[in-house]
C-alpha atoms as a PDB file:
ATOM      1  CA  UNK A   1      93.953-150.386  77.939  1.00  0.00           C
ATOM      2  CA  UNK A   2      93.924-147.347  80.241  1.00  0.00           C
ATOM      3  CA  UNK A   3      95.727-145.344  77.499  1.00  0.00           C
ATOM      4  CA  UNK A   4      93.021-146.197  74.992  1.00  0.00           C
ATOM      5  CA  UNK A   5      90.252-145.271  77.470  1.00  0.00           C
ATOM      6  CA  UNK A   6      91.828-141.895  77.977  1.00  0.00           C
ATOM      7  CA  UNK A   7      92.109-141.365  74.280  1.00  0.00           C
ATOM      8  CA  UNK A   8      88.487-142.364  73.875  1.00  0.00           C
ATOM      9  CA  UNK A   9      87.418-139.814  76.490  1.00  0.00           C
ATOM     10  CA  UNK A  10      89.420-137.077  74.848  1.00  0.00           C
ATOM     11  CA  UNK A  11      87.929-137.956  71.448  1.00  0.00           C
ATOM     12  CA  UNK A  12      84.398-137.923  72.876  1.00  0.00           C
ATOM     13  CA  UNK A  13      84.995-134.486  74.438  1.00  0.00           C
ATOM     14  CA  UNK A  14      86.467-133.289  71.156  1.00  0.00           C
ATOM     15  CA  UNK A  15      83.459-134.496  69.234  1.00  0.00           C
ATOM     16  CA  UNK A  16      81.062-132.756  71.628  1.00  0.00           C
ATOM     17  CA  UNK A  17      83.021-129.539  71.315  1.00  0.00           C
ATOM     18  CA  UNK A  18      83.145-129.835  67.544  1.00  0.00           C
ATOM     19  CA  UNK A  19      79.382-130.347  67.373  1.00  0.00           C
ATOM     20  CA  UNK A  20      78.528-127.675  69.886  1.00  0.00           C
ATOM     21  CA  UNK A  21      77.305-130.317  72.349  1.00  0.00           C
ATOM     22  CA  UNK A  22      79.482-129.809  75.420  1.00  0.00           C
ATOM     23  CA  UNK A  23      77.869-131.401  78.464  1.00  0.00           C
ATOM     24  CA  UNK A  24      75.688-128.939  80.457  1.00  0.00           C
ATOM     25  CA  UNK A  25      77.062-128.216  83.906  1.00  0.00           C
ATOM     26  CA  UNK A  26      74.650-129.087  86.719  1.00  0.00           C
ATOM     27  CA  UNK A  27      74.561-125.546  88.096  1.00  0.00           C
ATOM     28  CA  UNK A  28      73.336-124.321  84.671  1.00  0.00           C
ATOM     29  CA  UNK A  29      70.323-126.634  84.525  1.00  0.00           C
ATOM     30  CA  UNK A  30      66.801-125.361  85.226  1.00  0.00           C
ATOM     31  CA  UNK A  31      66.229-128.128  87.685  1.00  0.00           C
ATOM     32  CA  UNK A  32      69.211-127.042  89.755  1.00  0.00           C
ATOM     33  CA  UNK A  33      68.106-123.404  89.734  1.00  0.00           C
ATOM     34  CA  UNK A  34      64.638-124.322  90.845  1.00  0.00           C
ATOM     35  CA  UNK A  35      66.054-126.428  93.654  1.00  0.00           C
ATOM     36  CA  UNK A  36      67.967-123.367  95.025  1.00  0.00           C
ATOM     37  CA  UNK A  37      64.866-121.154  95.322  1.00  0.00           C
ATOM     38  CA  UNK A  38      63.851-120.713  98.990  1.00  0.00           C
ATOM     39  CA  UNK A  39      60.617-122.302 100.207  1.00  0.00           C
ATOM     40  CA  UNK A  40      57.620-119.993  99.948  1.00  0.00           C
ATOM     41  CA  UNK A  41      59.048-117.985  97.073  1.00  0.00           C
ATOM     42  CA  UNK A  42      57.090-117.420  93.859  1.00  0.00           C
ATOM     43  CA  UNK A  43      58.315-118.304  90.421  1.00  0.00           C
ATOM     44  CA  UNK A  44      57.066-116.969  87.084  1.00  0.00           C
ATOM     45  CA  UNK A  45      57.603-118.679  83.751  1.00  0.00           C
ATOM     46  CA  UNK A  46      59.163-115.437  82.526  1.00  0.00           C
ATOM     47  CA  UNK A  47      61.874-115.701  85.213  1.00  0.00           C
ATOM     48  CA  UNK A  48      63.851-118.037  82.947  1.00  0.00           C
ATOM     49  CA  UNK A  49      64.155-116.346  79.535  1.00  0.00           C
ATOM     50  CA  UNK A  50      67.280-118.329  78.831  1.00  0.00           C
ATOM     51  CA  UNK A  51      65.267-121.546  78.476  1.00  0.00           C
ATOM     52  CA  UNK A  52      62.571-122.507  76.000  1.00  0.00           C
ATOM     53  CA  UNK A  53      59.200-121.793  77.478  1.00  0.00           C
ATOM     54  CA  UNK A  54      57.827-125.316  76.770  1.00  0.00           C
ATOM     55  CA  UNK A  55      60.808-126.815  78.596  1.00  0.00           C
ATOM     56  CA  UNK A  56      60.147-124.525  81.601  1.00  0.00           C
ATOM     57  CA  UNK A  57      56.486-125.591  81.607  1.00  0.00           C
ATOM     58  CA  UNK A  58      57.469-129.251  81.454  1.00  0.00           C
ATOM     59  CA  UNK A  59      59.974-129.043  84.260  1.00  0.00           C
ATOM     60  CA  UNK A  60      57.633-127.077  86.554  1.00  0.00           C
ATOM     61  CA  UNK A  61      54.838-129.500  85.795  1.00  0.00           C
ATOM     62  CA  UNK A  62      57.166-132.331  86.967  1.00  0.00           C
ATOM     63  CA  UNK A  63      57.993-130.306  90.091  1.00  0.00           C
ATOM     64  CA  UNK A  64      54.291-129.876  90.791  1.00  0.00           C
ATOM     65  CA  UNK A  65      53.664-133.638  90.417  1.00  0.00           C
ATOM     66  CA  UNK A  66      56.482-134.376  92.843  1.00  0.00           C
ATOM     67  CA  UNK A  67      54.993-131.879  95.361  1.00  0.00           C
ATOM     68  CA  UNK A  68      58.075-129.634  95.347  1.00  0.00           C
ATOM     69  CA  UNK A  69      56.116-126.796  93.661  1.00  0.00           C
ATOM     70  CA  UNK A  70      52.474-125.720  93.575  1.00  0.00           C
ATOM     71  CA  UNK A  71      50.784-124.030  90.695  1.00  0.00           C
ATOM     72  CA  UNK A  72      49.198-120.781  91.920  1.00  0.00           C
ATOM     73  CA  UNK A  73      47.858-119.406  88.598  1.00  0.00           C
ATOM     74  CA  UNK A  74      48.635-119.566  84.915  1.00  0.00           C
ATOM     75  CA  UNK A  75      52.420-119.034  84.625  1.00  0.00           C
ATOM     76  CA  UNK A  76      52.861-118.617  88.440  1.00  0.00           C
ATOM     77  CA  UNK A  77      54.251-121.244  90.766  1.00  0.00           C
ATOM     78  CA  UNK A  78      55.313-121.431  94.395  1.00  0.00           C
ATOM     79  CA  UNK A  79      58.129-123.391  96.030  1.00  0.00           C
ATOM     80  CA  UNK A  80      56.076-125.274  98.489  1.00  0.00           C
ATOM     81  CA  UNK A  81      56.793-125.587 102.138  1.00  0.00           C
ATOM     82  CA  UNK A  82      55.269-128.944 102.943  1.00  0.00           C
ATOM     83  CA  UNK A  83      53.731-130.008 106.305  1.00  0.00           C
ATOM     84  CA  UNK A  84      51.815-133.053 107.305  1.00  0.00           C
ATOM     85  CA  UNK A  85      48.709-131.005 106.565  1.00  0.00           C
ATOM     86  CA  UNK A  86      49.818-130.090 103.040  1.00  0.00           C
ATOM     87  CA  UNK A  87      51.665-127.145 101.488  1.00  0.00           C
ATOM     88  CA  UNK A  88      51.831-123.812 103.195  1.00  0.00           C
ATOM     89  CA  UNK A  89      50.857-121.206 100.641  1.00  0.00           C
ATOM     90  CA  UNK A  90      52.238-117.636 100.520  1.00  0.00           C
ATOM     91  CA  UNK A  91      50.079-114.790 101.782  1.00  0.00           C
ATOM     92  CA  UNK A  92      47.709-112.930  99.497  1.00  0.00           C
ATOM     93  CA  UNK A  93      49.793-109.797  99.927  1.00  0.00           C
ATOM     94  CA  UNK A  94      53.008-111.492  98.906  1.00  0.00           C
ATOM     95  CA  UNK A  95      51.417-112.941  95.764  1.00  0.00           C
ATOM     96  CA  UNK A  96      49.790-109.723  94.688  1.00  0.00           C
ATOM     97  CA  UNK A  97      52.888-107.703  95.375  1.00  0.00           C
ATOM     98  CA  UNK A  98      54.986-110.068  93.201  1.00  0.00           C
ATOM     99  CA  UNK A  99      52.454-109.866  90.355  1.00  0.00           C
ATOM    100  CA  UNK A 100      52.277-106.089  90.607  1.00  0.00           C
ATOM    101  CA  UNK A 101      56.108-105.786  90.409  1.00  0.00           C
ATOM    102  CA  UNK A 102      56.408-108.301  87.630  1.00  0.00           C
ATOM    103  CA  UNK A 103      53.641-106.796  85.517  1.00  0.00           C
ATOM    104  CA  UNK A 104      54.367-103.168  86.554  1.00  0.00           C
ATOM    105  CA  UNK A 105      50.623-103.037  87.397  1.00  0.00           C
ATOM    106  CA  UNK A 106      48.491-101.479  90.110  1.00  0.00           C
ATOM    107  CA  UNK A 107      46.272-103.649  92.270  1.00  0.00           C
ATOM    108  CA  UNK A 108      43.433-102.444  94.476  1.00  0.00           C
ATOM    109  CA  UNK A 109      41.200-104.440  96.894  1.00  0.00           C
ATOM    110  CA  UNK A 110      37.544-104.479  95.906  1.00  0.00           C
ATOM    111  CA  UNK A 111      34.359-105.821  97.492  1.00  0.00           C
ATOM    112  CA  UNK A 112      34.971-107.751 100.726  1.00  0.00           C
ATOM    113  CA  UNK A 113      38.668-107.387 100.303  1.00  0.00           C
ATOM    114  CA  UNK A 114      38.339-103.597 100.565  1.00  0.00           C
ATOM    115  CA  UNK A 115      36.086-103.895 103.571  1.00  0.00           C
ATOM    116  CA  UNK A 116      38.510-106.226 105.280  1.00  0.00           C
ATOM    117  CA  UNK A 117      41.457-103.935 104.538  1.00  0.00           C
ATOM    118  CA  UNK A 118      39.751-101.030 106.337  1.00  0.00           C
ATOM    119  CA  UNK A 119      38.465-103.155 109.228  1.00  0.00           C
ATOM    120  CA  UNK A 120      34.843-102.639 108.151  1.00  0.00           C
ATOM    121  CA  UNK A 121      34.122-106.364 108.011  1.00  0.00           C
ATOM    122  CA  UNK A 122      35.302-109.367 110.006  1.00  0.00           C
ATOM    123  CA  UNK A 123      34.018-111.966 107.502  1.00  0.00           C
ATOM    124  CA  UNK A 124      36.625-114.219 105.956  1.00  0.00           C
ATOM    125  CA  UNK A 125      35.329-115.023 102.483  1.00  0.00           C
ATOM    126  CA  UNK A 126      36.831-117.785 100.415  1.00  0.00           C
ATOM    127  CA  UNK A 127      36.704-115.617  97.318  1.00  0.00           C
ATOM    128  CA  UNK A 128      38.286-112.176  97.067  1.00  0.00           C
ATOM    129  CA  UNK A 129      38.205-109.709  94.217  1.00  0.00           C
ATOM    130  CA  UNK A 130      40.903-107.161  93.404  1.00  0.00           C
ATOM    131  CA  UNK A 131      40.982-104.620  90.618  1.00  0.00           C
ATOM    132  CA  UNK A 132      44.109-104.376  88.470  1.00  0.00           C
ATOM    133  CA  UNK A 133      45.511-102.251  85.673  1.00  0.00           C
ATOM    134  CA  UNK A 134      47.255-105.390  84.419  1.00  0.00           C
ATOM    135  CA  UNK A 135      45.999-108.784  83.177  1.00  0.00           C
ATOM    136  CA  UNK A 136      42.909-110.381  84.574  1.00  0.00           C
ATOM    137  CA  UNK A 137      43.486-113.830  86.175  1.00  0.00           C
ATOM    138  CA  UNK A 138      42.336-116.175  88.936  1.00  0.00           C
ATOM    139  CA  UNK A 139      44.688-117.221  91.665  1.00  0.00           C
ATOM    140  CA  UNK A 140      44.268-120.315  93.836  1.00  0.00           C
ATOM    141  CA  UNK A 141      45.905-120.199  97.219  1.00  0.00           C
ATOM    142  CA  UNK A 142      44.985-123.545  98.775  1.00  0.00           C
ATOM    143  CA  UNK A 143      41.184-123.084  98.661  1.00  0.00           C
ATOM    144  CA  UNK A 144      41.246-119.271  98.740  1.00  0.00           C
ATOM    145  CA  UNK A 145      40.281-117.950  95.323  1.00  0.00           C
ATOM    146  CA  UNK A 146      41.517-114.491  94.285  1.00  0.00           C
ATOM    147  CA  UNK A 147      40.103-112.861  91.175  1.00  0.00           C
ATOM    148  CA  UNK A 148      42.094-110.135  89.561  1.00  0.00           C
ATOM    149  CA  UNK A 149      39.622-108.064  87.514  1.00  0.00           C
ATOM    150  CA  UNK A 150      40.916-105.501  84.991  1.00  0.00           C
ATOM    151  CA  UNK A 151      39.510-102.052  85.686  1.00  0.00           C
ATOM    152  CA  UNK A 152      39.402 -98.644  83.924  1.00  0.00           C
ATOM    153  CA  UNK A 153      42.351 -96.238  84.392  1.00  0.00           C
ATOM    154  CA  UNK A 154      40.235 -93.815  86.542  1.00  0.00           C
ATOM    155  CA  UNK A 155      40.165 -96.445  89.281  1.00  0.00           C
ATOM    156  CA  UNK A 156      43.905 -95.915  89.810  1.00  0.00           C
ATOM    157  CA  UNK A 157      44.054 -92.078  89.560  1.00  0.00           C
ATOM    158  CA  UNK A 158      43.971 -91.678  93.364  1.00  0.00           C
ATOM    159  CA  UNK A 159      47.160 -90.207  94.742  1.00  0.00           C
ATOM    160  CA  UNK A 160      46.725 -91.772  98.179  1.00  0.00           C
ATOM    161  CA  UNK A 161      45.674 -95.241  99.259  1.00  0.00           C
ATOM    162  CA  UNK A 162      42.987 -94.577 101.850  1.00  0.00           C
ATOM    163  CA  UNK A 163      40.347 -92.885  99.680  1.00  0.00           C
ATOM    164  CA  UNK A 164      40.913 -95.440  96.878  1.00  0.00           C
ATOM    165  CA  UNK A 165      40.158 -98.191  99.392  1.00  0.00           C
ATOM    166  CA  UNK A 166      37.234 -96.308 100.934  1.00  0.00           C
ATOM    167  CA  UNK A 167      35.655 -95.802  97.496  1.00  0.00           C
ATOM    168  CA  UNK A 168      35.677 -99.567  96.871  1.00  0.00           C
ATOM    169  CA  UNK A 169      34.370-100.285 100.367  1.00  0.00           C
ATOM    170  CA  UNK A 170      31.503 -97.837 100.039  1.00  0.00           C
ATOM    171  CA  UNK A 171      30.618 -99.242  96.528  1.00  0.00           C
ATOM    172  CA  UNK A 172      30.255-102.583  98.244  1.00  0.00           C
ATOM    173  CA  UNK A 173      28.059-101.283 101.018  1.00  0.00           C
ATOM    174  CA  UNK A 174      25.829 -99.239  98.629  1.00  0.00           C
ATOM    175  CA  UNK A 175      24.444 -95.712  98.799  1.00  0.00           C
ATOM    176  CA  UNK A 176      21.329 -96.548 100.784  1.00  0.00           C
ATOM    177  CA  UNK A 177      22.829 -99.251 103.118  1.00  0.00           C
ATOM    178  CA  UNK A 178      25.304 -97.192 105.169  1.00  0.00           C
ATOM    179  CA  UNK A 179      24.467 -97.577 108.910  1.00  0.00           C
ATOM    180  CA  UNK A 180      25.217 -95.112 111.688  1.00  0.00           C
ATOM    181  CA  UNK A 181      27.812 -97.549 113.075  1.00  0.00           C
ATOM    182  CA  UNK A 182      29.551 -97.698 109.721  1.00  0.00           C
ATOM    183  CA  UNK A 183      29.513 -93.918 109.529  1.00  0.00           C
ATOM    184  CA  UNK A 184      31.101 -93.708 112.934  1.00  0.00           C
ATOM    185  CA  UNK A 185      33.796 -96.118 111.836  1.00  0.00           C
ATOM    186  CA  UNK A 186      34.470 -94.114 108.674  1.00  0.00           C
ATOM    187  CA  UNK A 187      34.729 -90.943 110.757  1.00  0.00           C
ATOM    188  CA  UNK A 188      37.368 -92.618 112.904  1.00  0.00           C
ATOM    189  CA  UNK A 189      39.208 -93.757 109.770  1.00  0.00           C
ATOM    190  CA  UNK A 190      39.181 -90.254 108.369  1.00  0.00           C
ATOM    191  CA  UNK A 191      41.018 -89.088 111.531  1.00  0.00           C
ATOM    192  CA  UNK A 192      43.499 -91.960 111.401  1.00  0.00           C
ATOM    193  CA  UNK A 193      44.183 -91.459 107.648  1.00  0.00           C
ATOM    194  CA  UNK A 194      44.184 -87.708 107.004  1.00  0.00           C
ATOM    195  CA  UNK A 195      46.298 -87.844 103.772  1.00  0.00           C
ATOM    196  CA  UNK A 196      46.145 -84.079 103.917  1.00  0.00           C
ATOM    197  CA  UNK A 197      48.327 -83.608 100.827  1.00  0.00           C
ATOM    198  CA  UNK A 198      46.124 -85.648  98.538  1.00  0.00           C
ATOM    199  CA  UNK A 199      42.631 -85.909 100.153  1.00  0.00           C
ATOM    200  CA  UNK A 200      40.991 -83.020  98.269  1.00  0.00           C
ATOM    201  CA  UNK A 201      42.165 -84.415  94.953  1.00  0.00           C
ATOM    202  CA  UNK A 202      41.081 -87.918  95.824  1.00  0.00           C
ATOM    203  CA  UNK A 203      37.661 -87.011  97.257  1.00  0.00           C
ATOM    204  CA  UNK A 204      36.832 -85.343  93.907  1.00  0.00           C
ATOM    205  CA  UNK A 205      37.376 -88.698  92.191  1.00  0.00           C
ATOM    206  CA  UNK A 206      34.650 -90.370  94.321  1.00  0.00           C
ATOM    207  CA  UNK A 207      31.031 -90.646  93.166  1.00  0.00           C
ATOM    208  CA  UNK A 208      28.891 -87.598  94.239  1.00  0.00           C
ATOM    209  CA  UNK A 209      27.033 -89.451  96.997  1.00  0.00           C
ATOM    210  CA  UNK A 210      30.296 -90.544  98.544  1.00  0.00           C
ATOM    211  CA  UNK A 211      31.686 -87.015  98.400  1.00  0.00           C
ATOM    212  CA  UNK A 212      28.655 -85.646 100.263  1.00  0.00           C
ATOM    213  CA  UNK A 213      28.905 -88.391 102.894  1.00  0.00           C
ATOM    214  CA  UNK A 214      32.643 -87.862 103.411  1.00  0.00           C
ATOM    215  CA  UNK A 215      32.459 -84.056 103.544  1.00  0.00           C
ATOM    216  CA  UNK A 216      29.624 -84.251 106.053  1.00  0.00           C
ATOM    217  CA  UNK A 217      31.551 -86.574 108.284  1.00  0.00           C
ATOM    218  CA  UNK A 218      34.715 -84.447 107.964  1.00  0.00           C
ATOM    219  CA  UNK A 219      32.790 -81.454 109.306  1.00  0.00           C
ATOM    220  CA  UNK A 220      31.735 -83.477 112.338  1.00  0.00           C
ATOM    221  CA  UNK A 221      35.248 -84.495 113.417  1.00  0.00           C
END
Protein backbone atom coordinates (compact mmCIF):
# COMPACT_ATOMS: atom_id res chain seq x y z
CA UNK A 1 0.00 0.00 0.00
CA UNK A 2 2.83 2.42 0.87
CA UNK A 3 4.42 1.71 -2.52
CA UNK A 4 1.23 2.67 -4.30
CA UNK A 5 0.88 5.85 -2.22
CA UNK A 6 4.39 6.89 -3.20
CA UNK A 7 3.67 6.19 -6.83
CA UNK A 8 0.49 8.22 -6.55
CA UNK A 9 2.39 11.17 -5.12
CA UNK A 10 4.97 11.00 -7.86
CA UNK A 11 2.24 10.85 -10.50
CA UNK A 12 0.46 13.86 -8.98
CA UNK A 13 3.70 15.86 -8.96
CA UNK A 14 4.38 14.80 -12.54
CA UNK A 15 0.91 15.90 -13.64
CA UNK A 16 1.36 19.30 -11.94
CA UNK A 17 4.71 19.75 -13.63
CA UNK A 18 3.31 18.68 -17.00
CA UNK A 19 0.44 21.14 -16.74
CA UNK A 20 2.55 23.99 -15.37
CA UNK A 21 0.78 23.81 -12.01
CA UNK A 22 3.63 23.16 -9.59
CA UNK A 23 2.53 24.04 -6.03
CA UNK A 24 3.45 27.62 -5.06
CA UNK A 25 6.00 27.77 -2.27
CA UNK A 26 4.79 29.66 0.79
CA UNK A 27 7.62 32.21 0.64
CA UNK A 28 6.47 33.18 -2.87
CA UNK A 29 2.89 34.00 -1.90
CA UNK A 30 1.70 37.58 -1.56
CA UNK A 31 0.26 36.82 1.87
CA UNK A 32 3.66 35.69 3.11
CA UNK A 33 5.43 38.74 1.68
CA UNK A 34 2.91 41.06 3.33
CA UNK A 35 3.39 39.29 6.65
CA UNK A 36 7.15 40.05 6.55
CA UNK A 37 6.70 43.81 6.14
CA UNK A 38 7.58 45.67 9.40
CA UNK A 39 4.82 47.40 11.33
CA UNK A 40 4.34 51.02 10.40
CA UNK A 41 5.65 50.58 6.85
CA UNK A 42 3.69 51.72 3.82
CA UNK A 43 2.71 49.47 0.94
CA UNK A 44 1.65 50.51 -2.56
CA UNK A 45 -0.29 48.36 -4.98
CA UNK A 46 2.51 48.93 -7.45
CA UNK A 47 5.01 47.30 -5.08
CA UNK A 48 3.94 43.86 -6.35
CA UNK A 49 4.13 43.93 -10.16
CA UNK A 50 4.59 40.16 -10.24
CA UNK A 51 0.98 39.66 -9.14
CA UNK A 52 -2.29 40.53 -10.85
CA UNK A 53 -3.51 43.89 -9.54
CA UNK A 54 -6.99 42.57 -8.76
CA UNK A 55 -5.45 39.79 -6.65
CA UNK A 56 -3.31 42.32 -4.76
CA UNK A 57 -6.41 44.45 -4.09
CA UNK A 58 -8.31 41.42 -2.83
CA UNK A 59 -5.56 40.25 -0.50
CA UNK A 60 -4.98 43.73 0.91
CA UNK A 61 -8.73 44.17 1.43
CA UNK A 62 -8.72 40.95 3.44
CA UNK A 63 -5.73 42.20 5.45
CA UNK A 64 -7.62 45.43 6.18
CA UNK A 65 -10.70 43.50 7.29
CA UNK A 66 -8.59 41.48 9.71
CA UNK A 67 -6.96 44.64 11.09
CA UNK A 68 -3.46 43.73 9.97
CA UNK A 69 -3.37 46.58 7.44
CA UNK A 70 -5.06 49.98 7.19
CA UNK A 71 -5.99 51.70 3.93
CA UNK A 72 -4.41 55.17 3.88
CA UNK A 73 -5.48 56.31 0.41
CA UNK A 74 -6.33 54.83 -2.96
CA UNK A 75 -3.63 52.26 -3.67
CA UNK A 76 -1.74 52.97 -0.41
CA UNK A 77 -1.82 50.80 2.70
CA UNK A 78 -0.02 50.69 6.04
CA UNK A 79 1.05 47.66 8.09
CA UNK A 80 -0.76 48.62 11.27
CA UNK A 81 0.78 48.62 14.72
CA UNK A 82 -2.23 47.89 16.86
CA UNK A 83 -2.78 49.12 20.42
CA UNK A 84 -5.79 48.92 22.70
CA UNK A 85 -6.68 52.39 21.41
CA UNK A 86 -6.54 51.35 17.76
CA UNK A 87 -3.89 51.39 15.02
CA UNK A 88 -0.92 53.76 15.24
CA UNK A 89 -0.66 55.55 11.92
CA UNK A 90 2.63 56.66 10.30
CA UNK A 91 3.60 60.33 10.47
CA UNK A 92 2.51 62.79 7.80
CA UNK A 93 6.14 63.27 6.79
CA UNK A 94 6.70 59.54 6.33
CA UNK A 95 3.62 59.14 4.14
CA UNK A 96 4.37 62.17 1.97
CA UNK A 97 8.03 61.20 1.60
CA UNK A 98 7.02 57.72 0.45
CA UNK A 99 4.54 59.13 -2.07
CA UNK A 100 7.08 61.65 -3.38
CA UNK A 101 9.71 58.93 -3.88
CA UNK A 102 7.28 56.49 -5.47
CA UNK A 103 5.76 59.08 -7.84
CA UNK A 104 9.02 61.01 -8.36
CA UNK A 105 6.98 64.08 -7.40
CA UNK A 106 7.57 67.25 -5.41
CA UNK A 107 5.35 68.03 -2.42
CA UNK A 108 5.11 71.41 -0.69
CA UNK A 109 3.12 72.38 2.44
CA UNK A 110 0.38 74.92 1.82
CA UNK A 111 -2.08 76.82 4.01
CA UNK A 112 -1.90 75.88 7.68
CA UNK A 113 0.64 73.18 6.90
CA UNK A 114 3.06 75.87 5.65
CA UNK A 115 2.40 78.06 8.70
CA UNK A 116 3.03 75.12 11.03
CA UNK A 117 6.23 74.17 9.22
CA UNK A 118 7.65 77.66 9.83
CA UNK A 119 6.40 77.91 13.40
CA UNK A 120 4.02 80.73 12.47
CA UNK A 121 0.98 78.95 13.86
CA UNK A 122 0.38 76.63 16.80
CA UNK A 123 -3.01 75.44 15.59
CA UNK A 124 -3.38 71.72 14.94
CA UNK A 125 -5.98 71.50 12.15
CA UNK A 126 -7.57 68.18 11.27
CA UNK A 127 -7.26 68.97 7.57
CA UNK A 128 -3.98 69.84 5.88
CA UNK A 129 -3.30 70.80 2.29
CA UNK A 130 -0.11 70.15 0.35
CA UNK A 131 0.73 71.08 -3.21
CA UNK A 132 2.19 68.44 -5.48
CA UNK A 133 3.60 68.04 -8.96
CA UNK A 134 2.16 64.52 -8.95
CA UNK A 135 -1.34 63.11 -8.68
CA UNK A 136 -4.03 64.75 -6.55
CA UNK A 137 -5.38 62.54 -3.77
CA UNK A 138 -6.80 62.57 -0.25
CA UNK A 139 -5.04 60.69 2.53
CA UNK A 140 -6.68 59.58 5.77
CA UNK A 141 -4.36 59.16 8.74
CA UNK A 142 -6.68 58.13 11.53
CA UNK A 143 -8.88 61.21 11.46
CA UNK A 144 -6.27 63.58 10.04
CA UNK A 145 -7.16 64.39 6.45
CA UNK A 146 -4.37 65.36 4.06
CA UNK A 147 -5.25 66.77 0.66
CA UNK A 148 -2.65 66.63 -2.08
CA UNK A 149 -3.55 69.31 -4.60
CA UNK A 150 -1.86 69.38 -7.99
CA UNK A 151 -0.19 72.73 -8.66
CA UNK A 152 1.43 74.52 -11.60
CA UNK A 153 5.16 73.92 -12.36
CA UNK A 154 6.14 77.44 -11.23
CA UNK A 155 5.26 76.47 -7.64
CA UNK A 156 8.24 74.10 -7.62
CA UNK A 157 10.83 76.30 -9.35
CA UNK A 158 12.33 77.44 -6.03
CA UNK A 159 15.90 76.24 -5.57
CA UNK A 160 15.74 76.36 -1.78
CA UNK A 161 13.08 75.20 0.69
CA UNK A 162 12.64 78.23 2.94
CA UNK A 163 11.31 80.77 0.43
CA UNK A 164 9.01 78.19 -1.13
CA UNK A 165 7.50 77.60 2.30
CA UNK A 166 7.41 81.29 3.15
CA UNK A 167 5.55 82.05 -0.08
CA UNK A 168 2.81 79.59 0.83
CA UNK A 169 2.65 80.87 4.40
CA UNK A 170 2.29 84.50 3.27
CA UNK A 171 -0.39 83.53 0.76
CA UNK A 172 -2.34 82.04 3.64
CA UNK A 173 -1.97 85.16 5.80
CA UNK A 174 -2.78 87.57 2.98
CA UNK A 175 -1.27 90.87 1.82
CA UNK A 176 -3.20 93.13 4.19
CA UNK A 177 -3.25 90.85 7.24
CA UNK A 178 0.44 90.69 8.15
CA UNK A 179 0.90 91.86 11.76
CA UNK A 180 4.03 93.44 13.34
CA UNK A 181 4.55 90.27 15.40
CA UNK A 182 4.45 88.14 12.28
CA UNK A 183 6.92 90.46 10.55
CA UNK A 184 9.27 90.13 13.53
CA UNK A 185 9.01 86.35 13.29
CA UNK A 186 9.70 86.44 9.56
CA UNK A 187 12.76 88.65 10.17
CA UNK A 188 14.09 86.06 12.61
CA UNK A 189 13.40 83.27 10.11
CA UNK A 190 15.32 85.19 7.44
CA UNK A 191 18.37 85.22 9.73
CA UNK A 192 18.01 81.53 10.58
CA UNK A 193 17.51 80.49 6.93
CA UNK A 194 19.83 82.67 4.82
CA UNK A 195 20.01 80.30 1.81
CA UNK A 196 22.53 82.78 0.45
CA UNK A 197 23.22 80.77 -2.71
CA UNK A 198 19.58 80.68 -3.82
CA UNK A 199 17.72 83.50 -2.04
CA UNK A 200 17.98 86.12 -4.82
CA UNK A 201 16.62 83.65 -7.37
CA UNK A 202 13.82 82.48 -5.08
CA UNK A 203 12.71 85.94 -3.95
CA UNK A 204 12.15 86.88 -7.60
CA UNK A 205 9.66 84.01 -7.87
CA UNK A 206 7.49 85.47 -5.10
CA UNK A 207 4.55 87.84 -5.78
CA UNK A 208 5.59 91.50 -5.90
CA UNK A 209 4.04 92.42 -2.54
CA UNK A 210 5.96 89.60 -0.86
CA UNK A 211 9.20 90.68 -2.53
CA UNK A 212 8.75 94.20 -1.16
CA UNK A 213 8.01 92.90 2.34
CA UNK A 214 10.98 90.52 2.36
CA UNK A 215 13.44 93.05 0.96
CA UNK A 216 12.30 95.63 3.53
CA UNK A 217 12.79 93.17 6.37
CA UNK A 218 16.17 92.05 5.03
CA UNK A 219 17.41 95.66 5.19
CA UNK A 220 16.37 95.86 8.84
CA UNK A 221 18.34 92.81 9.99
